[in-house]
Amino acid sequence: MSLIPSIFGGRRSNVFDPFSLDMWDPFEGFPISSNLANVPSSVRETSAFANARIDWKETPEAHIFKADLPGLKKEEVKVEVEEGKVLQISGERSKEQEEKNDQWHRVERSSGKFLRRFRLPENAKMDQLKASMENGVLTVTVPKEEVKKPEVKAIEISG
């Protein structure tokens, strides 16, 4: 029997990720008061999957976002634009149904909701955004406006 799932409540957390919303309460389940005692369980469940890993790459042509969302279907993921320049990626992974006769030995996969927002630069063409999902990887491509190079005009030198 592993102690780790019982200590961490079956949730994975990365204390080194400053963007992680997952807050581990070492006193959860103990009869002493805690800062998270008043936090509803739905909020704690939501934070368990909140740190969906997303890469943002900029190429000369576009901003490309790749999110690892294993086990999710494209119908369970939303890609939205807020306030014109904020890309929002959200979704939910449901908990697996527990049967009365099942005995769990280890619970490491996270479940719950996730939400990530990215403010895009002015050169992003938000009206041409494209999203696709293949093998649990969501790819969102936001084309960039072409940067017009200043026209250089040669002037003949008379002499």
C-alpha atoms as a PDB file:
ATOM      1  CA  MET A   1       0.000   0.000   0.000  1.00  0.00           C
ATOM      2  CA  SER A   2       1.361   3.383  -0.952  1.00  0.00           C
ATOM      3  CA  LEU A   3       1.253   6.262   1.511  1.00  0.00           C
ATOM      4  CA  ILE A   4       1.452   9.001  -1.097  1.00  0.00           C
ATOM      5  CA  PRO A   5      -2.189   8.941  -2.288  1.00  0.00           C
ATOM      6  CA  SER A   6      -3.454   8.991   1.288  1.00  0.00           C
ATOM      7  CA  ILE A   7      -1.166  11.860   2.305  1.00  0.00           C
ATOM      8  CA  PHE A   8      -1.908  14.017  -0.739  1.00  0.00           C
ATOM      9  CA  GLY A   9      -5.569  13.060  -1.061  1.00  0.00           C
ATOM     10  CA  GLY A  10      -4.974  11.351  -4.415  1.00  0.00           C
ATOM     11  CA  ARG A  11      -4.144  14.653  -6.121  1.00  0.00           C
ATOM     12  CA  ARG A  12      -0.966  15.540  -7.928  1.00  0.00           C
ATOM     13  CA  SER A  13       0.555  18.941  -7.210  1.00  0.00           C
ATOM     14  CA  ASN A  14       3.630  20.755  -8.397  1.00  0.00           C
ATOM     15  CA  VAL A  15       4.886  23.131  -5.707  1.00  0.00           C
ATOM     16  CA  PHE A  16       7.445  24.560  -8.122  1.00  0.00           C
ATOM     17  CA  ASP A  17       4.804  25.764 -10.632  1.00  0.00           C
ATOM     18  CA  PRO A  18       3.938  29.399  -9.748  1.00  0.00           C
ATOM     19  CA  PHE A  19       0.822  29.209 -11.954  1.00  0.00           C
ATOM     20  CA  SER A  20      -0.585  26.108 -10.278  1.00  0.00           C
ATOM     21  CA  LEU A  21      -3.857  26.754  -8.496  1.00  0.00           C
ATOM     22  CA  ASP A  22      -3.656  23.459  -6.650  1.00  0.00           C
ATOM     23  CA  MET A  23      -3.403  24.078  -2.922  1.00  0.00           C
ATOM     24  CA  TRP A  24      -2.490  21.111  -0.788  1.00  0.00           C
ATOM     25  CA  ASP A  25      -3.717  21.239   2.786  1.00  0.00           C
ATOM     26  CA  PRO A  26      -1.522  18.977   4.954  1.00  0.00           C
ATOM     27  CA  PHE A  27      -4.144  19.128   7.711  1.00  0.00           C
ATOM     28  CA  GLU A  28      -7.116  18.168   5.511  1.00  0.00           C
ATOM     29  CA  GLY A  29      -9.102  15.456   7.258  1.00  0.00           C
ATOM     30  CA  PHE A  30      -7.655  16.234  10.695  1.00  0.00           C
ATOM     31  CA  PRO A  31      -9.927  17.647  13.419  1.00  0.00           C
ATOM     32  CA  ILE A  32      -8.026  20.960  13.611  1.00  0.00           C
ATOM     33  CA  SER A  33      -9.007  24.193  11.900  1.00  0.00           C
ATOM     34  CA  SER A  34      -7.399  25.153   8.615  1.00  0.00           C
ATOM     35  CA  ASN A  35      -7.505  28.004   6.124  1.00  0.00           C
ATOM     36  CA  LEU A  36      -9.101  25.656   3.574  1.00  0.00           C
ATOM     37  CA  ALA A  37     -11.720  24.338   5.969  1.00  0.00           C
ATOM     38  CA  ASN A  38     -14.294  26.797   4.598  1.00  0.00           C
ATOM     39  CA  VAL A  39     -13.437  26.143   0.938  1.00  0.00           C
ATOM     40  CA  PRO A  40     -16.128  24.030  -0.732  1.00  0.00           C
ATOM     41  CA  SER A  41     -15.020  20.619  -1.949  1.00  0.00           C
ATOM     42  CA  SER A  42     -16.059  21.569  -5.505  1.00  0.00           C
ATOM     43  CA  VAL A  43     -13.390  24.303  -5.513  1.00  0.00           C
ATOM     44  CA  ARG A  44     -10.728  21.881  -4.265  1.00  0.00           C
ATOM     45  CA  GLU A  45     -11.737  19.359  -6.953  1.00  0.00           C
ATOM     46  CA  THR A  46     -11.633  22.093  -9.603  1.00  0.00           C
ATOM     47  CA  SER A  47      -8.085  23.022  -8.657  1.00  0.00           C
ATOM     48  CA  ALA A  48      -6.842  19.440  -8.959  1.00  0.00           C
ATOM     49  CA  PHE A  49      -6.746  19.574 -12.761  1.00  0.00           C
ATOM     50  CA  ALA A  50      -6.212  23.345 -12.968  1.00  0.00           C
ATOM     51  CA  ASN A  51      -2.573  23.128 -13.922  1.00  0.00           C
ATOM     52  CA  ALA A  52      -3.113  21.739 -17.424  1.00  0.00           C
ATOM     53  CA  ARG A  53       0.257  22.072 -19.123  1.00  0.00           C
ATOM     54  CA  ILE A  54       0.263  24.426 -22.108  1.00  0.00           C
ATOM     55  CA  ASP A  55       3.152  25.494 -24.335  1.00  0.00           C
ATOM     56  CA  TRP A  56       3.024  28.846 -26.193  1.00  0.00           C
ATOM     57  CA  LYS A  57       5.335  29.207 -29.174  1.00  0.00           C
ATOM     58  CA  GLU A  58       5.616  32.218 -31.466  1.00  0.00           C
ATOM     59  CA  THR A  59       6.710  31.746 -35.061  1.00  0.00           C
ATOM     60  CA  PRO A  60       7.066  34.452 -37.711  1.00  0.00           C
ATOM     61  CA  GLU A  61       3.551  33.548 -38.940  1.00  0.00           C
ATOM     62  CA  ALA A  62       1.560  32.659 -35.794  1.00  0.00           C
ATOM     63  CA  HIS A  63       1.209  32.092 -32.063  1.00  0.00           C
ATOM     64  CA  ILE A  64       0.848  28.348 -31.420  1.00  0.00           C
ATOM     65  CA  PHE A  65      -0.523  26.860 -28.199  1.00  0.00           C
ATOM     66  CA  LYS A  66      -0.246  23.135 -27.412  1.00  0.00           C
ATOM     67  CA  ALA A  67      -2.043  21.650 -24.420  1.00  0.00           C
ATOM     68  CA  ASP A  68      -1.655  18.094 -23.149  1.00  0.00           C
ATOM     69  CA  LEU A  69      -5.179  16.920 -22.346  1.00  0.00           C
ATOM     70  CA  PRO A  70      -4.941  13.117 -22.243  1.00  0.00           C
ATOM     71  CA  GLY A  71      -8.223  11.273 -22.062  1.00  0.00           C
ATOM     72  CA  LEU A  72     -10.355  14.273 -23.048  1.00  0.00           C
ATOM     73  CA  LYS A  73     -12.511  14.415 -26.152  1.00  0.00           C
ATOM     74  CA  LYS A  74     -12.738  17.575 -28.222  1.00  0.00           C
ATOM     75  CA  GLU A  75     -16.358  17.949 -27.056  1.00  0.00           C
ATOM     76  CA  GLU A  76     -15.093  18.282 -23.456  1.00  0.00           C
ATOM     77  CA  VAL A  77     -12.778  21.221 -24.280  1.00  0.00           C
ATOM     78  CA  LYS A  78     -13.715  24.857 -24.979  1.00  0.00           C
ATOM     79  CA  VAL A  79     -11.559  27.388 -26.821  1.00  0.00           C
ATOM     80  CA  GLU A  80     -12.916  30.934 -26.508  1.00  0.00           C
ATOM     81  CA  VAL A  81     -11.857  34.538 -27.036  1.00  0.00           C
ATOM     82  CA  GLU A  82     -12.651  37.075 -24.321  1.00  0.00           C
ATOM     83  CA  GLU A  83     -12.383  40.849 -24.562  1.00  0.00           C
ATOM     84  CA  GLY A  84     -10.979  40.588 -28.074  1.00  0.00           C
ATOM     85  CA  LYS A  85      -7.416  39.587 -27.124  1.00  0.00           C
ATOM     86  CA  VAL A  86      -7.706  36.968 -24.345  1.00  0.00           C
ATOM     87  CA  LEU A  87      -7.522  33.319 -25.389  1.00  0.00           C
ATOM     88  CA  GLN A  88      -9.336  31.059 -22.921  1.00  0.00           C
ATOM     89  CA  ILE A  89      -8.925  27.278 -22.887  1.00  0.00           C
ATOM     90  CA  SER A  90     -11.129  25.309 -20.498  1.00  0.00           C
ATOM     91  CA  GLY A  91     -12.606  21.872 -19.952  1.00  0.00           C
ATOM     92  CA  GLU A  92     -13.431  19.172 -17.470  1.00  0.00           C
ATOM     93  CA  ARG A  93     -12.324  15.609 -16.827  1.00  0.00           C
ATOM     94  CA  SER A  94     -14.984  13.642 -14.974  1.00  0.00           C
ATOM     95  CA  LYS A  95     -14.167  11.361 -12.072  1.00  0.00           C
ATOM     96  CA  GLU A  96     -14.335   7.669 -12.833  1.00  0.00           C
ATOM     97  CA  GLN A  97     -17.451   5.998 -11.454  1.00  0.00           C
ATOM     98  CA  GLU A  98     -16.769   4.099  -8.248  1.00  0.00           C
ATOM     99  CA  GLU A  99     -18.482   0.774  -7.769  1.00  0.00           C
ATOM    100  CA  LYS A 100     -19.235  -0.455  -4.234  1.00  0.00           C
ATOM    101  CA  ASN A 101     -17.182  -3.624  -4.764  1.00  0.00           C
ATOM    102  CA  ASP A 102     -14.135  -1.832  -6.219  1.00  0.00           C
ATOM    103  CA  GLN A 103     -10.973  -1.524  -4.174  1.00  0.00           C
ATOM    104  CA  TRP A 104      -8.657   1.269  -5.335  1.00  0.00           C
ATOM    105  CA  HIS A 105      -4.940   0.695  -4.807  1.00  0.00           C
ATOM    106  CA  ARG A 106      -3.712   3.960  -6.309  1.00  0.00           C
ATOM    107  CA  VAL A 107      -5.330   7.176  -7.586  1.00  0.00           C
ATOM    108  CA  GLU A 108      -2.909   9.407  -9.494  1.00  0.00           C
ATOM    109  CA  ARG A 109      -4.894  10.686 -12.460  1.00  0.00           C
ATOM    110  CA  SER A 110      -6.423  14.067 -11.802  1.00  0.00           C
ATOM    111  CA  SER A 111     -10.003  15.013 -12.483  1.00  0.00           C
ATOM    112  CA  GLY A 112     -11.951  18.231 -12.341  1.00  0.00           C
ATOM    113  CA  LYS A 113     -12.140  21.457 -14.276  1.00  0.00           C
ATOM    114  CA  PHE A 114      -9.329  23.504 -15.745  1.00  0.00           C
ATOM    115  CA  LEU A 115      -9.186  27.034 -17.090  1.00  0.00           C
ATOM    116  CA  ARG A 116      -6.216  28.842 -18.599  1.00  0.00           C
ATOM    117  CA  ARG A 117      -6.160  32.377 -20.041  1.00  0.00           C
ATOM    118  CA  PHE A 118      -3.550  34.056 -22.222  1.00  0.00           C
ATOM    119  CA  ARG A 119      -3.492  37.744 -23.179  1.00  0.00           C
ATOM    120  CA  LEU A 120      -2.345  37.898 -26.781  1.00  0.00           C
ATOM    121  CA  PRO A 121      -0.315  40.712 -28.336  1.00  0.00           C
ATOM    122  CA  GLU A 122      -1.806  43.295 -30.672  1.00  0.00           C
ATOM    123  CA  ASN A 123      -0.524  41.529 -33.796  1.00  0.00           C
ATOM    124  CA  ALA A 124      -2.759  38.457 -33.226  1.00  0.00           C
ATOM    125  CA  LYS A 125      -5.526  37.909 -35.790  1.00  0.00           C
ATOM    126  CA  MET A 126      -8.215  36.703 -33.386  1.00  0.00           C
ATOM    127  CA  ASP A 127     -10.803  36.323 -36.161  1.00  0.00           C
ATOM    128  CA  GLN A 128      -8.653  33.638 -37.865  1.00  0.00           C
ATOM    129  CA  LEU A 129      -8.030  31.425 -34.823  1.00  0.00           C
ATOM    130  CA  LYS A 130      -7.978  27.649 -35.511  1.00  0.00           C
ATOM    131  CA  ALA A 131      -8.090  24.749 -33.051  1.00  0.00           C
ATOM    132  CA  SER A 132      -7.601  21.010 -33.525  1.00  0.00           C
ATOM    133  CA  MET A 133      -7.235  18.043 -31.204  1.00  0.00           C
ATOM    134  CA  GLU A 134      -5.331  14.866 -31.951  1.00  0.00           C
ATOM    135  CA  ASN A 135      -4.186  12.096 -29.588  1.00  0.00           C
ATOM    136  CA  GLY A 136      -5.006  14.148 -26.481  1.00  0.00           C
ATOM    137  CA  VAL A 137      -3.071  17.226 -27.641  1.00  0.00           C
ATOM    138  CA  LEU A 138      -5.008  20.430 -28.314  1.00  0.00           C
ATOM    139  CA  THR A 139      -3.326  22.760 -30.832  1.00  0.00           C
ATOM    140  CA  VAL A 140      -4.574  26.344 -31.136  1.00  0.00           C
ATOM    141  CA  THR A 141      -3.090  28.469 -33.911  1.00  0.00           C
ATOM    142  CA  VAL A 142      -3.524  32.253 -33.900  1.00  0.00           C
ATOM    143  CA  PRO A 143      -2.135  33.854 -37.090  1.00  0.00           C
ATOM    144  CA  LYS A 144      -0.181  37.088 -36.788  1.00  0.00           C
ATOM    145  CA  GLU A 145      -0.603  40.221 -38.851  1.00  0.00           C
ATOM    146  CA  GLU A 146       2.209  40.688 -41.321  1.00  0.00           C
ATOM    147  CA  VAL A 147       4.709  43.253 -40.225  1.00  0.00           C
ATOM    148  CA  LYS A 148       5.078  45.767 -42.996  1.00  0.00           C
ATOM    149  CA  LYS A 149       8.691  46.645 -43.518  1.00  0.00           C
ATOM    150  CA  PRO A 150       9.295  50.316 -44.143  1.00  0.00           C
ATOM    151  CA  GLU A 151       9.730  51.041 -47.813  1.00  0.00           C
ATOM    152  CA  VAL A 152      13.263  52.083 -48.622  1.00  0.00           C
ATOM    153  CA  LYS A 153      13.591  54.412 -51.572  1.00  0.00           C
ATOM    154  CA  ALA A 154      16.999  54.940 -53.122  1.00  0.00           C
ATOM    155  CA  ILE A 155      17.785  58.532 -53.915  1.00  0.00           C
ATOM    156  CA  GLU A 156      20.150  59.316 -56.724  1.00  0.00           C
ATOM    157  CA  ILE A 157      22.977  61.579 -55.705  1.00  0.00           C
ATOM    158  CA  SER A 158      23.717  64.286 -58.223  1.00  0.00           C
ATOM    159  CA  GLY A 159      27.033  65.827 -58.364  1.00  0.00           C
END
